Amino acid sequence: MTNALTYTLPLGAILGVAKVDPELHAEHATAPLWSGVGLSGMLRRYRFSNGLTQETLAQRAGLSVRAIADLERGVRRYPYPDTIERLAAALGLTTEERQALAQSAQRPAGPALLTRVASRSRSDCSNLPRPLTSFVGREDEIEHVLALTRDARLLTLSGPAGVGKTRLAIEVGRRSRSSVHTTVCFVDLAAVRDGRLVGQAVITALGGRDVPSQSSVETIRSLVGSDRTLLLLDNCERVIDAVAELARVVLRDIETTSILATSREPLDVEGEARWLVPPLVETDSARLFVERARLVAADFAPTGEDAVAVAELCRTLDGVPLAIELAAARVA
């Protein structure tokens, strides 16, 4: 039988030094911590007794608030040793306390926490963009790309501008995240011109911040922990050499992380799977034109000669989605 520990509100919170989390306090007031078991309970106790919010602890440790929250909820039970060291330093723990914290990360959590872990899907943490328009067609392509992502840890979707690489990747990511214990992180590199900033862009997308004493990959590893993660790196072509180097190291050092990249050209990395995104087929091209045209002319419903004209226009535009959308926007 497990011994329960009683827990009282720290003096710092009583005096208003720290902002009290009502939900956290209520939990501690009504439920015991597991004695000697569970990183989540121990981390909460140390943080609360120091009068720290999750935000403050995250800033001190160089981690994201999400990472702290996941540790305290029991979602991440076995973080890397360097993550434990950073938390211990940020909390000002003694040698004995550091050892206890490290030990708790190697032992199973209590039953209540295990239940939370089993019931919580990591897909909730996805930062995938929410497109404002519908996704049209490409069902066969989606299934093919999903199969490729299961077989290869690095897949690059290539093709000319406007062919729909980003929208296809987002849809693949959306369906991938339905898998339990998979986090999909979208990283937009369109505005990145300096290759040295690629790692920082990934860290920011993961909800963290750069740590001067660590390499970008070390920080990325501490953020993803042991979670199964898919990094969706979009618009890689402007900093392709830097992306390729980051991909090499991530795939080598973080075995739970895979990469889906979009680029006008392949990354040329060992083990890379490549897939050239094709234009839309004629039926999907016409459907896309009609759906987008109805955004500016709700009653647009081409029949007869008009339908033939739409099909011919889409063929003239080579089935390129962006070109079709721009043409449809001119329907009056």
C-alpha atoms as a PDB file:
ATOM      1  CA  MET A   1       0.000   0.000   0.000  1.00  0.00           C
ATOM      2  CA  THR A   2       1.377   3.374  -1.015  1.00  0.00           C
ATOM      3  CA  ASN A   3       1.884   6.007   1.671  1.00  0.00           C
ATOM      4  CA  ALA A   4       0.279   9.355   0.958  1.00  0.00           C
ATOM      5  CA  LEU A   5       1.994  12.668   1.528  1.00  0.00           C
ATOM      6  CA  THR A   6       0.097  15.696   2.753  1.00  0.00           C
ATOM      7  CA  TYR A   7       0.798  18.977   1.006  1.00  0.00           C
ATOM      8  CA  THR A   8       0.275  22.521   2.185  1.00  0.00           C
ATOM      9  CA  LEU A   9       0.236  25.870   0.419  1.00  0.00           C
ATOM     10  CA  PRO A  10       3.740  27.433   0.406  1.00  0.00           C
ATOM     11  CA  LEU A  11       4.421  30.710   2.171  1.00  0.00           C
ATOM     12  CA  GLY A  12       5.440  32.405  -1.090  1.00  0.00           C
ATOM     13  CA  ALA A  13       1.986  31.881  -2.548  1.00  0.00           C
ATOM     14  CA  ILE A  14       0.262  33.039   0.661  1.00  0.00           C
ATOM     15  CA  LEU A  15       2.204  36.297   0.591  1.00  0.00           C
ATOM     16  CA  GLY A  16       1.372  36.854  -3.063  1.00  0.00           C
ATOM     17  CA  VAL A  17       4.947  36.380  -4.260  1.00  0.00           C
ATOM     18  CA  ALA A  18       3.811  33.865  -6.851  1.00  0.00           C
ATOM     19  CA  LYS A  19       0.635  33.592  -8.858  1.00  0.00           C
ATOM     20  CA  VAL A  20      -1.399  30.684  -7.504  1.00  0.00           C
ATOM     21  CA  ASP A  21      -2.820  28.206  -9.994  1.00  0.00           C
ATOM     22  CA  PRO A  22      -6.315  27.509  -8.556  1.00  0.00           C
ATOM     23  CA  GLU A  23      -6.624  24.191 -10.388  1.00  0.00           C
ATOM     24  CA  LEU A  24      -3.235  23.049  -9.159  1.00  0.00           C
ATOM     25  CA  HIS A  25      -3.957  24.096  -5.581  1.00  0.00           C
ATOM     26  CA  ALA A  26      -7.325  22.350  -5.626  1.00  0.00           C
ATOM     27  CA  GLU A  27      -5.702  19.156  -6.819  1.00  0.00           C
ATOM     28  CA  HIS A  28      -3.091  19.248  -4.059  1.00  0.00           C
ATOM     29  CA  ALA A  29      -5.720  20.083  -1.461  1.00  0.00           C
ATOM     30  CA  THR A  30      -7.822  17.032  -2.280  1.00  0.00           C
ATOM     31  CA  ALA A  31      -5.418  14.397  -3.666  1.00  0.00           C
ATOM     32  CA  PRO A  32      -2.224  12.935  -2.209  1.00  0.00           C
ATOM     33  CA  LEU A  33       1.060  12.823  -4.060  1.00  0.00           C
ATOM     34  CA  TRP A  34       2.613   9.449  -4.702  1.00  0.00           C
ATOM     35  CA  SER A  35       5.443   9.017  -2.232  1.00  0.00           C
ATOM     36  CA  GLY A  36       8.752   8.483  -4.006  1.00  0.00           C
ATOM     37  CA  VAL A  37       6.969   7.749  -7.290  1.00  0.00           C
ATOM     38  CA  GLY A  38       6.226   9.894 -10.303  1.00  0.00           C
ATOM     39  CA  LEU A  39       8.187  12.706 -11.880  1.00  0.00           C
ATOM     40  CA  SER A  40       5.020  14.714 -12.451  1.00  0.00           C
ATOM     41  CA  GLY A  41       4.047  14.996  -8.788  1.00  0.00           C
ATOM     42  CA  MET A  42       7.595  15.689  -7.636  1.00  0.00           C
ATOM     43  CA  LEU A  43       8.123  18.415 -10.240  1.00  0.00           C
ATOM     44  CA  ARG A  44       4.869  20.094  -9.273  1.00  0.00           C
ATOM     45  CA  ARG A  45       5.803  19.983  -5.594  1.00  0.00           C
ATOM     46  CA  TYR A  46       9.240  21.537  -6.179  1.00  0.00           C
ATOM     47  CA  ARG A  47       7.827  24.207  -8.495  1.00  0.00           C
ATOM     48  CA  PHE A  48       4.967  25.093  -6.178  1.00  0.00           C
ATOM     49  CA  SER A  49       7.164  25.179  -3.072  1.00  0.00           C
ATOM     50  CA  ASN A  50       9.448  27.642  -4.874  1.00  0.00           C
ATOM     51  CA  GLY A  51       6.481  29.850  -5.705  1.00  0.00           C
ATOM     52  CA  LEU A  52       7.036  29.492  -9.462  1.00  0.00           C
ATOM     53  CA  THR A  53       4.514  29.441 -12.267  1.00  0.00           C
ATOM     54  CA  GLN A  54       4.977  27.059 -15.170  1.00  0.00           C
ATOM     55  CA  GLU A  55       5.934  30.035 -17.328  1.00  0.00           C
ATOM     56  CA  THR A  56       8.673  31.160 -14.935  1.00  0.00           C
ATOM     57  CA  LEU A  57      10.115  27.666 -14.575  1.00  0.00           C
ATOM     58  CA  ALA A  58      10.072  27.189 -18.341  1.00  0.00           C
ATOM     59  CA  GLN A  59      11.965  30.446 -18.834  1.00  0.00           C
ATOM     60  CA  ARG A  60      14.575  29.574 -16.213  1.00  0.00           C
ATOM     61  CA  ALA A  61      15.120  26.059 -17.576  1.00  0.00           C
ATOM     62  CA  GLY A  62      15.126  27.023 -21.245  1.00  0.00           C
ATOM     63  CA  LEU A  63      12.125  24.819 -21.999  1.00  0.00           C
ATOM     64  CA  SER A  64       8.691  25.523 -23.416  1.00  0.00           C
ATOM     65  CA  VAL A  65       5.667  25.967 -21.160  1.00  0.00           C
ATOM     66  CA  ARG A  66       4.139  23.032 -23.012  1.00  0.00           C
ATOM     67  CA  ALA A  67       7.097  20.854 -22.045  1.00  0.00           C
ATOM     68  CA  ILE A  68       6.659  21.748 -18.357  1.00  0.00           C
ATOM     69  CA  ALA A  69       2.908  21.141 -18.540  1.00  0.00           C
ATOM     70  CA  ASP A  70       3.402  17.771 -20.225  1.00  0.00           C
ATOM     71  CA  LEU A  71       5.882  16.688 -17.560  1.00  0.00           C
ATOM     72  CA  GLU A  72       3.545  17.717 -14.753  1.00  0.00           C
ATOM     73  CA  ARG A  73       0.564  15.985 -16.335  1.00  0.00           C
ATOM     74  CA  GLY A  74       2.497  12.776 -16.805  1.00  0.00           C
ATOM     75  CA  VAL A  75       2.366  12.948 -20.600  1.00  0.00           C
ATOM     76  CA  ARG A  76       6.167  12.856 -20.767  1.00  0.00           C
ATOM     77  CA  ARG A  77       7.353  10.440 -18.130  1.00  0.00           C
ATOM     78  CA  TYR A  78      10.939   9.813 -19.148  1.00  0.00           C
ATOM     79  CA  PRO A  79      12.674  13.037 -20.264  1.00  0.00           C
ATOM     80  CA  TYR A  80      16.327  13.169 -21.252  1.00  0.00           C
ATOM     81  CA  PRO A  81      18.872  13.516 -18.408  1.00  0.00           C
ATOM     82  CA  ASP A  82      19.868  16.992 -19.600  1.00  0.00           C
ATOM     83  CA  THR A  83      16.235  18.094 -19.235  1.00  0.00           C
ATOM     84  CA  ILE A  84      16.242  16.879 -15.627  1.00  0.00           C
ATOM     85  CA  GLU A  85      19.501  18.739 -14.965  1.00  0.00           C
ATOM     86  CA  ARG A  86      18.117  21.981 -16.377  1.00  0.00           C
ATOM     87  CA  LEU A  87      14.974  21.648 -14.262  1.00  0.00           C
ATOM     88  CA  ALA A  88      17.027  20.907 -11.142  1.00  0.00           C
ATOM     89  CA  ALA A  89      19.227  23.953 -11.737  1.00  0.00           C
ATOM     90  CA  ALA A  90      16.221  26.189 -12.386  1.00  0.00           C
ATOM     91  CA  LEU A  91      14.587  24.973  -9.165  1.00  0.00           C
ATOM     92  CA  GLY A  92      17.792  25.344  -7.115  1.00  0.00           C
ATOM     93  CA  LEU A  93      17.617  21.761  -5.874  1.00  0.00           C
ATOM     94  CA  THR A  94      20.120  20.213  -3.497  1.00  0.00           C
ATOM     95  CA  THR A  95      22.191  17.203  -4.540  1.00  0.00           C
ATOM     96  CA  GLU A  96      19.773  14.837  -2.819  1.00  0.00           C
ATOM     97  CA  GLU A  97      16.780  16.521  -4.427  1.00  0.00           C
ATOM     98  CA  ARG A  98      18.440  16.350  -7.854  1.00  0.00           C
ATOM     99  CA  GLN A  99      19.036  12.633  -7.399  1.00  0.00           C
ATOM    100  CA  ALA A 100      15.448  12.094  -6.296  1.00  0.00           C
ATOM    101  CA  LEU A 101      14.132  14.002  -9.313  1.00  0.00           C
ATOM    102  CA  ALA A 102      16.346  12.005 -11.678  1.00  0.00           C
ATOM    103  CA  GLN A 103      15.264   8.758 -10.053  1.00  0.00           C
ATOM    104  CA  SER A 104      11.597   9.656 -10.376  1.00  0.00           C
ATOM    105  CA  ALA A 105      12.048   9.980 -14.146  1.00  0.00           C
ATOM    106  CA  GLN A 106      13.108   6.335 -14.297  1.00  0.00           C
ATOM    107  CA  ARG A 107      10.237   4.875 -12.298  1.00  0.00           C
ATOM    108  CA  PRO A 108       6.588   4.315 -13.263  1.00  0.00           C
ATOM    109  CA  ALA A 109       4.073   6.965 -12.320  1.00  0.00           C
ATOM    110  CA  GLY A 110       1.096   6.356 -10.036  1.00  0.00           C
ATOM    111  CA  PRO A 111      -2.127   4.786 -11.377  1.00  0.00           C
ATOM    112  CA  ALA A 112      -3.993   8.087 -11.733  1.00  0.00           C
ATOM    113  CA  LEU A 113      -1.200   9.566 -13.820  1.00  0.00           C
ATOM    114  CA  LEU A 114      -0.934   6.446 -15.967  1.00  0.00           C
ATOM    115  CA  THR A 115      -4.622   6.760 -16.733  1.00  0.00           C
ATOM    116  CA  ARG A 116      -4.134  10.355 -17.881  1.00  0.00           C
ATOM    117  CA  VAL A 117      -1.231   9.351 -20.112  1.00  0.00           C
ATOM    118  CA  ALA A 118      -3.188   6.544 -21.738  1.00  0.00           C
ATOM    119  CA  SER A 119      -6.204   8.739 -22.447  1.00  0.00           C
ATOM    120  CA  ARG A 120      -4.458  11.816 -23.778  1.00  0.00           C
ATOM    121  CA  SER A 121      -3.566  12.023 -27.472  1.00  0.00           C
ATOM    122  CA  ARG A 122      -0.406  13.877 -28.414  1.00  0.00           C
ATOM    123  CA  SER A 123      -2.141  15.061 -31.563  1.00  0.00           C
ATOM    124  CA  ASP A 124      -3.776  17.758 -29.412  1.00  0.00           C
ATOM    125  CA  CYS A 125      -0.441  19.588 -29.423  1.00  0.00           C
ATOM    126  CA  SER A 126      -0.285  19.940 -33.195  1.00  0.00           C
ATOM    127  CA  ASN A 127       0.257  23.461 -34.575  1.00  0.00           C
ATOM    128  CA  LEU A 128      -0.880  22.694 -38.113  1.00  0.00           C
ATOM    129  CA  PRO A 129      -2.348  25.722 -39.923  1.00  0.00           C
ATOM    130  CA  ARG A 130      -6.085  25.756 -40.468  1.00  0.00           C
ATOM    131  CA  PRO A 131      -6.624  26.616 -44.166  1.00  0.00           C
ATOM    132  CA  LEU A 132      -9.534  28.935 -44.879  1.00  0.00           C
ATOM    133  CA  THR A 133     -10.574  27.054 -48.016  1.00  0.00           C
ATOM    134  CA  SER A 134     -11.524  23.437 -48.684  1.00  0.00           C
ATOM    135  CA  PHE A 135      -9.048  20.771 -49.737  1.00  0.00           C
ATOM    136  CA  VAL A 136     -10.015  19.417 -53.138  1.00  0.00           C
ATOM    137  CA  GLY A 137      -9.161  15.983 -54.515  1.00  0.00           C
ATOM    138  CA  ARG A 138      -5.824  14.162 -54.213  1.00  0.00           C
ATOM    139  CA  GLU A 139      -7.193  11.222 -52.194  1.00  0.00           C
ATOM    140  CA  ASP A 140      -4.904   8.769 -53.968  1.00  0.00           C
ATOM    141  CA  GLU A 141      -1.915  11.072 -53.475  1.00  0.00           C
ATOM    142  CA  ILE A 142      -2.655  11.440 -49.765  1.00  0.00           C
ATOM    143  CA  GLU A 143      -2.753   7.689 -49.242  1.00  0.00           C
ATOM    144  CA  HIS A 144       0.462   7.260 -51.207  1.00  0.00           C
ATOM    145  CA  VAL A 145       2.304   9.945 -49.233  1.00  0.00           C
ATOM    146  CA  LEU A 146       1.028   8.556 -45.925  1.00  0.00           C
ATOM    147  CA  ALA A 147       2.436   5.172 -46.899  1.00  0.00           C
ATOM    148  CA  LEU A 148       5.774   6.778 -47.759  1.00  0.00           C
ATOM    149  CA  THR A 149       5.946   8.525 -44.372  1.00  0.00           C
ATOM    150  CA  ARG A 150       5.486   5.175 -42.670  1.00  0.00           C
ATOM    151  CA  ASP A 151       8.385   3.670 -44.612  1.00  0.00           C
ATOM    152  CA  ALA A 152      10.852   6.592 -44.556  1.00  0.00           C
ATOM    153  CA  ARG A 153      11.857   8.963 -41.769  1.00  0.00           C
ATOM    154  CA  LEU A 154      12.594  11.729 -44.284  1.00  0.00           C
ATOM    155  CA  LEU A 155      10.229  12.411 -47.165  1.00  0.00           C
ATOM    156  CA  THR A 156      10.500  15.444 -49.437  1.00  0.00           C
ATOM    157  CA  LEU A 157       7.536  16.607 -51.501  1.00  0.00           C
ATOM    158  CA  SER A 158       8.996  18.494 -54.446  1.00  0.00           C
ATOM    159  CA  GLY A 159       7.592  20.322 -57.436  1.00  0.00           C
ATOM    160  CA  PRO A 160       7.196  23.790 -58.958  1.00  0.00           C
ATOM    161  CA  ALA A 161       5.667  26.748 -57.146  1.00  0.00           C
ATOM    162  CA  GLY A 162       1.887  26.603 -56.885  1.00  0.00           C
ATOM    163  CA  VAL A 163       1.511  22.873 -57.492  1.00  0.00           C
ATOM    164  CA  GLY A 164       0.107  22.358 -53.989  1.00  0.00           C
ATOM    165  CA  LYS A 165       3.009  20.972 -51.974  1.00  0.00           C
ATOM    166  CA  THR A 166       2.105  22.831 -48.783  1.00  0.00           C
ATOM    167  CA  ARG A 167      -1.622  22.022 -48.846  1.00  0.00           C
ATOM    168  CA  LEU A 168      -0.885  18.361 -49.512  1.00  0.00           C
ATOM    169  CA  ALA A 169       1.670  18.234 -46.690  1.00  0.00           C
ATOM    170  CA  ILE A 170      -0.762  19.874 -44.249  1.00  0.00           C
ATOM    171  CA  GLU A 171      -3.477  17.373 -45.142  1.00  0.00           C
ATOM    172  CA  VAL A 172      -1.047  14.480 -44.730  1.00  0.00           C
ATOM    173  CA  GLY A 173       0.035  15.925 -41.378  1.00  0.00           C
ATOM    174  CA  ARG A 174      -3.575  16.295 -40.297  1.00  0.00           C
ATOM    175  CA  ARG A 175      -4.261  12.641 -40.985  1.00  0.00           C
ATOM    176  CA  SER A 176      -0.944  11.524 -39.511  1.00  0.00           C
ATOM    177  CA  ARG A 177      -1.693  13.149 -36.170  1.00  0.00           C
ATOM    178  CA  SER A 178      -4.733  10.901 -35.718  1.00  0.00           C
ATOM    179  CA  SER A 179      -2.202   8.239 -34.746  1.00  0.00           C
ATOM    180  CA  VAL A 180      -1.904   7.970 -30.958  1.00  0.00           C
ATOM    181  CA  HIS A 181       1.304   9.375 -29.482  1.00  0.00           C
ATOM    182  CA  THR A 182       2.187  11.337 -32.646  1.00  0.00           C
ATOM    183  CA  THR A 183       2.798  15.078 -32.581  1.00  0.00           C
ATOM    184  CA  VAL A 184       2.897  16.989 -35.864  1.00  0.00           C
ATOM    185  CA  CYS A 185       4.841  20.256 -35.757  1.00  0.00           C
ATOM    186  CA  PHE A 186       4.536  22.666 -38.699  1.00  0.00           C
ATOM    187  CA  VAL A 187       7.594  24.846 -39.398  1.00  0.00           C
ATOM    188  CA  ASP A 188       7.133  27.606 -41.995  1.00  0.00           C
ATOM    189  CA  LEU A 189      10.514  28.493 -43.513  1.00  0.00           C
ATOM    190  CA  ALA A 190       9.158  30.822 -46.218  1.00  0.00           C
ATOM    191  CA  ALA A 191      10.450  33.942 -44.456  1.00  0.00           C
ATOM    192  CA  VAL A 192      13.787  32.436 -43.356  1.00  0.00           C
ATOM    193  CA  ARG A 193      16.692  33.664 -45.470  1.00  0.00           C
ATOM    194  CA  ASP A 194      19.612  32.918 -43.166  1.00  0.00           C
ATOM    195  CA  GLY A 195      20.411  29.227 -42.874  1.00  0.00           C
ATOM    196  CA  ARG A 196      21.706  29.771 -39.357  1.00  0.00           C
ATOM    197  CA  LEU A 197      18.135  30.517 -38.258  1.00  0.00           C
ATOM    198  CA  VAL A 198      16.604  27.232 -39.424  1.00  0.00           C
ATOM    199  CA  GLY A 199      17.195  25.478 -36.102  1.00  0.00           C
ATOM    200  CA  GLN A 200      15.699  28.418 -34.215  1.00  0.00           C
ATOM    201  CA  ALA A 201      12.609  28.292 -36.441  1.00  0.00           C
ATOM    202  CA  VAL A 202      12.068  24.641 -35.522  1.00  0.00           C
ATOM    203  CA  ILE A 203      12.604  25.339 -31.816  1.00  0.00           C
ATOM    204  CA  THR A 204      10.118  28.226 -31.912  1.00  0.00           C
ATOM    205  CA  ALA A 205       7.527  26.075 -33.688  1.00  0.00           C
ATOM    206  CA  LEU A 206       7.931  23.464 -30.951  1.00  0.00           C
ATOM    207  CA  GLY A 207       7.168  26.129 -28.357  1.00  0.00           C
ATOM    208  CA  GLY A 208      10.701  26.527 -27.008  1.00  0.00           C
ATOM    209  CA  ARG A 209      13.503  29.058 -27.160  1.00  0.00           C
ATOM    210  CA  ASP A 210      17.144  28.825 -28.123  1.00  0.00           C
ATOM    211  CA  VAL A 211      19.580  27.811 -25.377  1.00  0.00           C
ATOM    212  CA  PRO A 212      23.061  29.322 -25.978  1.00  0.00           C
ATOM    213  CA  SER A 213      24.847  26.445 -24.257  1.00  0.00           C
ATOM    214  CA  GLN A 214      23.161  23.826 -26.447  1.00  0.00           C
ATOM    215  CA  SER A 215      23.092  22.998 -30.132  1.00  0.00           C
ATOM    216  CA  SER A 216      19.767  23.413 -31.916  1.00  0.00           C
ATOM    217  CA  VAL A 217      19.348  19.652 -32.177  1.00  0.00           C
ATOM    218  CA  GLU A 218      19.973  19.191 -28.442  1.00  0.00           C
ATOM    219  CA  THR A 219      17.259  21.736 -27.693  1.00  0.00           C
ATOM    220  CA  ILE A 220      14.898  20.110 -30.200  1.00  0.00           C
ATOM    221  CA  ARG A 221      15.551  16.736 -28.577  1.00  0.00           C
ATOM    222  CA  SER A 222      14.727  18.100 -25.129  1.00  0.00           C
ATOM    223  CA  LEU A 223      11.484  19.594 -26.476  1.00  0.00           C
ATOM    224  CA  VAL A 224      10.198  16.481 -28.233  1.00  0.00           C
ATOM    225  CA  GLY A 225      11.426  14.141 -25.501  1.00  0.00           C
ATOM    226  CA  SER A 226      10.468  10.544 -26.165  1.00  0.00           C
ATOM    227  CA  ASP A 227       7.321  11.486 -28.074  1.00  0.00           C
ATOM    228  CA  ARG A 228       6.821  10.257 -31.619  1.00  0.00           C
ATOM    229  CA  THR A 229       7.084  13.477 -33.632  1.00  0.00           C
ATOM    230  CA  LEU A 230       6.677  14.489 -37.283  1.00  0.00           C
ATOM    231  CA  LEU A 231       8.372  17.769 -38.233  1.00  0.00           C
ATOM    232  CA  LEU A 232       6.695  19.313 -41.262  1.00  0.00           C
ATOM    233  CA  LEU A 233       9.321  21.644 -42.756  1.00  0.00           C
ATOM    234  CA  ASP A 234       7.629  23.856 -45.352  1.00  0.00           C
ATOM    235  CA  ASN A 235       9.305  25.932 -48.103  1.00  0.00           C
ATOM    236  CA  CYS A 236      12.827  24.590 -47.643  1.00  0.00           C
ATOM    237  CA  GLU A 237      14.256  25.727 -50.977  1.00  0.00           C
ATOM    238  CA  ARG A 238      15.645  29.109 -49.863  1.00  0.00           C
ATOM    239  CA  VAL A 239      17.744  27.562 -47.077  1.00  0.00           C
ATOM    240  CA  ILE A 240      18.017  24.048 -48.429  1.00  0.00           C
ATOM    241  CA  ASP A 241      21.626  23.401 -47.383  1.00  0.00           C
ATOM    242  CA  ALA A 242      20.902  24.333 -43.767  1.00  0.00           C
ATOM    243  CA  VAL A 243      17.712  22.269 -43.758  1.00  0.00           C
ATOM    244  CA  ALA A 244      19.589  19.297 -45.180  1.00  0.00           C
ATOM    245  CA  GLU A 245      22.241  19.509 -42.461  1.00  0.00           C
ATOM    246  CA  LEU A 246      19.635  19.844 -39.711  1.00  0.00           C
ATOM    247  CA  ALA A 247      17.733  16.879 -41.131  1.00  0.00           C
ATOM    248  CA  ARG A 248      20.870  14.728 -41.118  1.00  0.00           C
ATOM    249  CA  VAL A 249      21.567  15.411 -37.455  1.00  0.00           C
ATOM    250  CA  VAL A 250      17.936  15.150 -36.316  1.00  0.00           C
ATOM    251  CA  LEU A 251      17.518  11.777 -38.006  1.00  0.00           C
ATOM    252  CA  ARG A 252      20.789  10.573 -36.525  1.00  0.00           C
ATOM    253  CA  ASP A 253      20.280  11.806 -32.961  1.00  0.00           C
ATOM    254  CA  ILE A 254      16.494  11.754 -32.392  1.00  0.00           C
ATOM    255  CA  GLU A 255      15.184   8.351 -33.331  1.00  0.00           C
ATOM    256  CA  THR A 256      11.550   9.147 -32.507  1.00  0.00           C
ATOM    257  CA  THR A 257      11.414  12.094 -34.930  1.00  0.00           C
ATOM    258  CA  SER A 258      10.591  11.973 -38.652  1.00  0.00           C
ATOM    259  CA  ILE A 259      10.564  14.777 -41.221  1.00  0.00           C
ATOM    260  CA  LEU A 260       8.158  15.666 -44.026  1.00  0.00           C
ATOM    261  CA  ALA A 261       9.646  18.485 -46.111  1.00  0.00           C
ATOM    262  CA  THR A 262       8.314  20.563 -48.991  1.00  0.00           C
ATOM    263  CA  SER A 263      10.789  22.058 -51.428  1.00  0.00           C
ATOM    264  CA  ARG A 264      11.171  22.865 -55.104  1.00  0.00           C
ATOM    265  CA  GLU A 265      14.136  20.501 -55.074  1.00  0.00           C
ATOM    266  CA  PRO A 266      15.141  17.491 -52.943  1.00  0.00           C
ATOM    267  CA  LEU A 267      17.300  17.894 -49.833  1.00  0.00           C
ATOM    268  CA  ASP A 268      19.775  15.305 -51.141  1.00  0.00           C
ATOM    269  CA  VAL A 269      20.179  13.629 -47.749  1.00  0.00           C
ATOM    270  CA  GLU A 270      21.016   9.951 -47.310  1.00  0.00           C
ATOM    271  CA  GLY A 271      17.866   7.938 -46.717  1.00  0.00           C
ATOM    272  CA  GLU A 272      15.614  10.640 -48.186  1.00  0.00           C
ATOM    273  CA  ALA A 273      12.474   9.472 -49.976  1.00  0.00           C
ATOM    274  CA  ARG A 274      11.332  11.825 -52.730  1.00  0.00           C
ATOM    275  CA  TRP A 275       7.957  12.349 -54.314  1.00  0.00           C
ATOM    276  CA  LEU A 276       7.139  14.784 -57.112  1.00  0.00           C
ATOM    277  CA  VAL A 277       3.738  16.374 -56.486  1.00  0.00           C
ATOM    278  CA  PRO A 278       1.707  16.087 -59.709  1.00  0.00           C
ATOM    279  CA  PRO A 279      -0.792  18.623 -61.070  1.00  0.00           C
ATOM    280  CA  LEU A 280      -4.471  18.049 -60.346  1.00  0.00           C
ATOM    281  CA  VAL A 281      -6.340  15.656 -62.597  1.00  0.00           C
ATOM    282  CA  GLU A 282      -8.932  17.273 -64.879  1.00  0.00           C
ATOM    283  CA  THR A 283     -11.974  16.482 -62.750  1.00  0.00           C
ATOM    284  CA  ASP A 284     -10.360  17.868 -59.597  1.00  0.00           C
ATOM    285  CA  SER A 285      -9.071  20.905 -61.498  1.00  0.00           C
ATOM    286  CA  ALA A 286     -12.596  21.780 -62.639  1.00  0.00           C
ATOM    287  CA  ARG A 287     -14.009  21.132 -59.175  1.00  0.00           C
ATOM    288  CA  LEU A 288     -11.378  23.393 -57.607  1.00  0.00           C
ATOM    289  CA  PHE A 289     -12.173  26.170 -60.093  1.00  0.00           C
ATOM    290  CA  VAL A 290     -15.904  25.970 -59.369  1.00  0.00           C
ATOM    291  CA  GLU A 291     -15.466  25.902 -55.578  1.00  0.00           C
ATOM    292  CA  ARG A 292     -13.155  28.905 -55.593  1.00  0.00           C
ATOM    293  CA  ALA A 293     -15.300  30.801 -58.093  1.00  0.00           C
ATOM    294  CA  ARG A 294     -18.301  30.386 -55.799  1.00  0.00           C
ATOM    295  CA  LEU A 295     -16.426  32.323 -53.133  1.00  0.00           C
ATOM    296  CA  VAL A 296     -16.836  35.439 -55.295  1.00  0.00           C
ATOM    297  CA  ALA A 297     -19.996  34.428 -57.192  1.00  0.00           C
ATOM    298  CA  ALA A 298     -22.160  32.178 -55.037  1.00  0.00           C
ATOM    299  CA  ASP A 299     -24.472  31.165 -57.907  1.00  0.00           C
ATOM    300  CA  PHE A 300     -21.654  30.095 -60.243  1.00  0.00           C
ATOM    301  CA  ALA A 301     -22.695  26.721 -61.726  1.00  0.00           C
ATOM    302  CA  PRO A 302     -21.250  26.204 -65.209  1.00  0.00           C
ATOM    303  CA  THR A 303     -23.091  23.832 -67.532  1.00  0.00           C
ATOM    304  CA  GLY A 304     -22.858  23.015 -71.210  1.00  0.00           C
ATOM    305  CA  GLU A 305     -20.447  25.280 -73.039  1.00  0.00           C
ATOM    306  CA  ASP A 306     -19.439  27.040 -69.819  1.00  0.00           C
ATOM    307  CA  ALA A 307     -18.399  23.736 -68.240  1.00  0.00           C
ATOM    308  CA  VAL A 308     -16.381  22.910 -71.354  1.00  0.00           C
ATOM    309  CA  ALA A 309     -14.721  26.330 -71.139  1.00  0.00           C
ATOM    310  CA  VAL A 310     -13.795  25.759 -67.486  1.00  0.00           C
ATOM    311  CA  ALA A 311     -12.252  22.391 -68.332  1.00  0.00           C
ATOM    312  CA  GLU A 312     -10.290  23.913 -71.201  1.00  0.00           C
ATOM    313  CA  LEU A 313      -9.038  26.746 -68.990  1.00  0.00           C
ATOM    314  CA  CYS A 314      -7.856  24.274 -66.344  1.00  0.00           C
ATOM    315  CA  ARG A 315      -5.983  22.314 -69.023  1.00  0.00           C
ATOM    316  CA  THR A 316      -4.380  25.530 -70.222  1.00  0.00           C
ATOM    317  CA  LEU A 317      -3.248  26.185 -66.650  1.00  0.00           C
ATOM    318  CA  ASP A 318      -1.711  22.679 -66.543  1.00  0.00           C
ATOM    319  CA  GLY A 319      -3.777  21.684 -63.516  1.00  0.00           C
ATOM    320  CA  VAL A 320      -1.673  23.891 -61.214  1.00  0.00           C
ATOM    321  CA  PRO A 321      -3.871  24.659 -58.166  1.00  0.00           C
ATOM    322  CA  LEU A 322      -2.548  28.167 -57.477  1.00  0.00           C
ATOM    323  CA  ALA A 323      -3.050  29.253 -61.088  1.00  0.00           C
ATOM    324  CA  ILE A 324      -6.563  27.801 -61.090  1.00  0.00           C
ATOM    325  CA  GLU A 325      -7.449  29.595 -57.847  1.00  0.00           C
ATOM    326  CA  LEU A 326      -6.173  32.922 -59.169  1.00  0.00           C
ATOM    327  CA  ALA A 327      -8.223  32.508 -62.338  1.00  0.00           C
ATOM    328  CA  ALA A 328     -11.340  31.523 -60.387  1.00  0.00           C
ATOM    329  CA  ALA A 329     -11.047  34.650 -58.245  1.00  0.00           C
ATOM    330  CA  ARG A 330     -11.685  36.736 -61.382  1.00  0.00           C
ATOM    331  CA  VAL A 331     -15.112  35.239 -62.040  1.00  0.00           C
ATOM    332  CA  ALA A 332     -17.740  37.969 -61.890  1.00  0.00           C
END
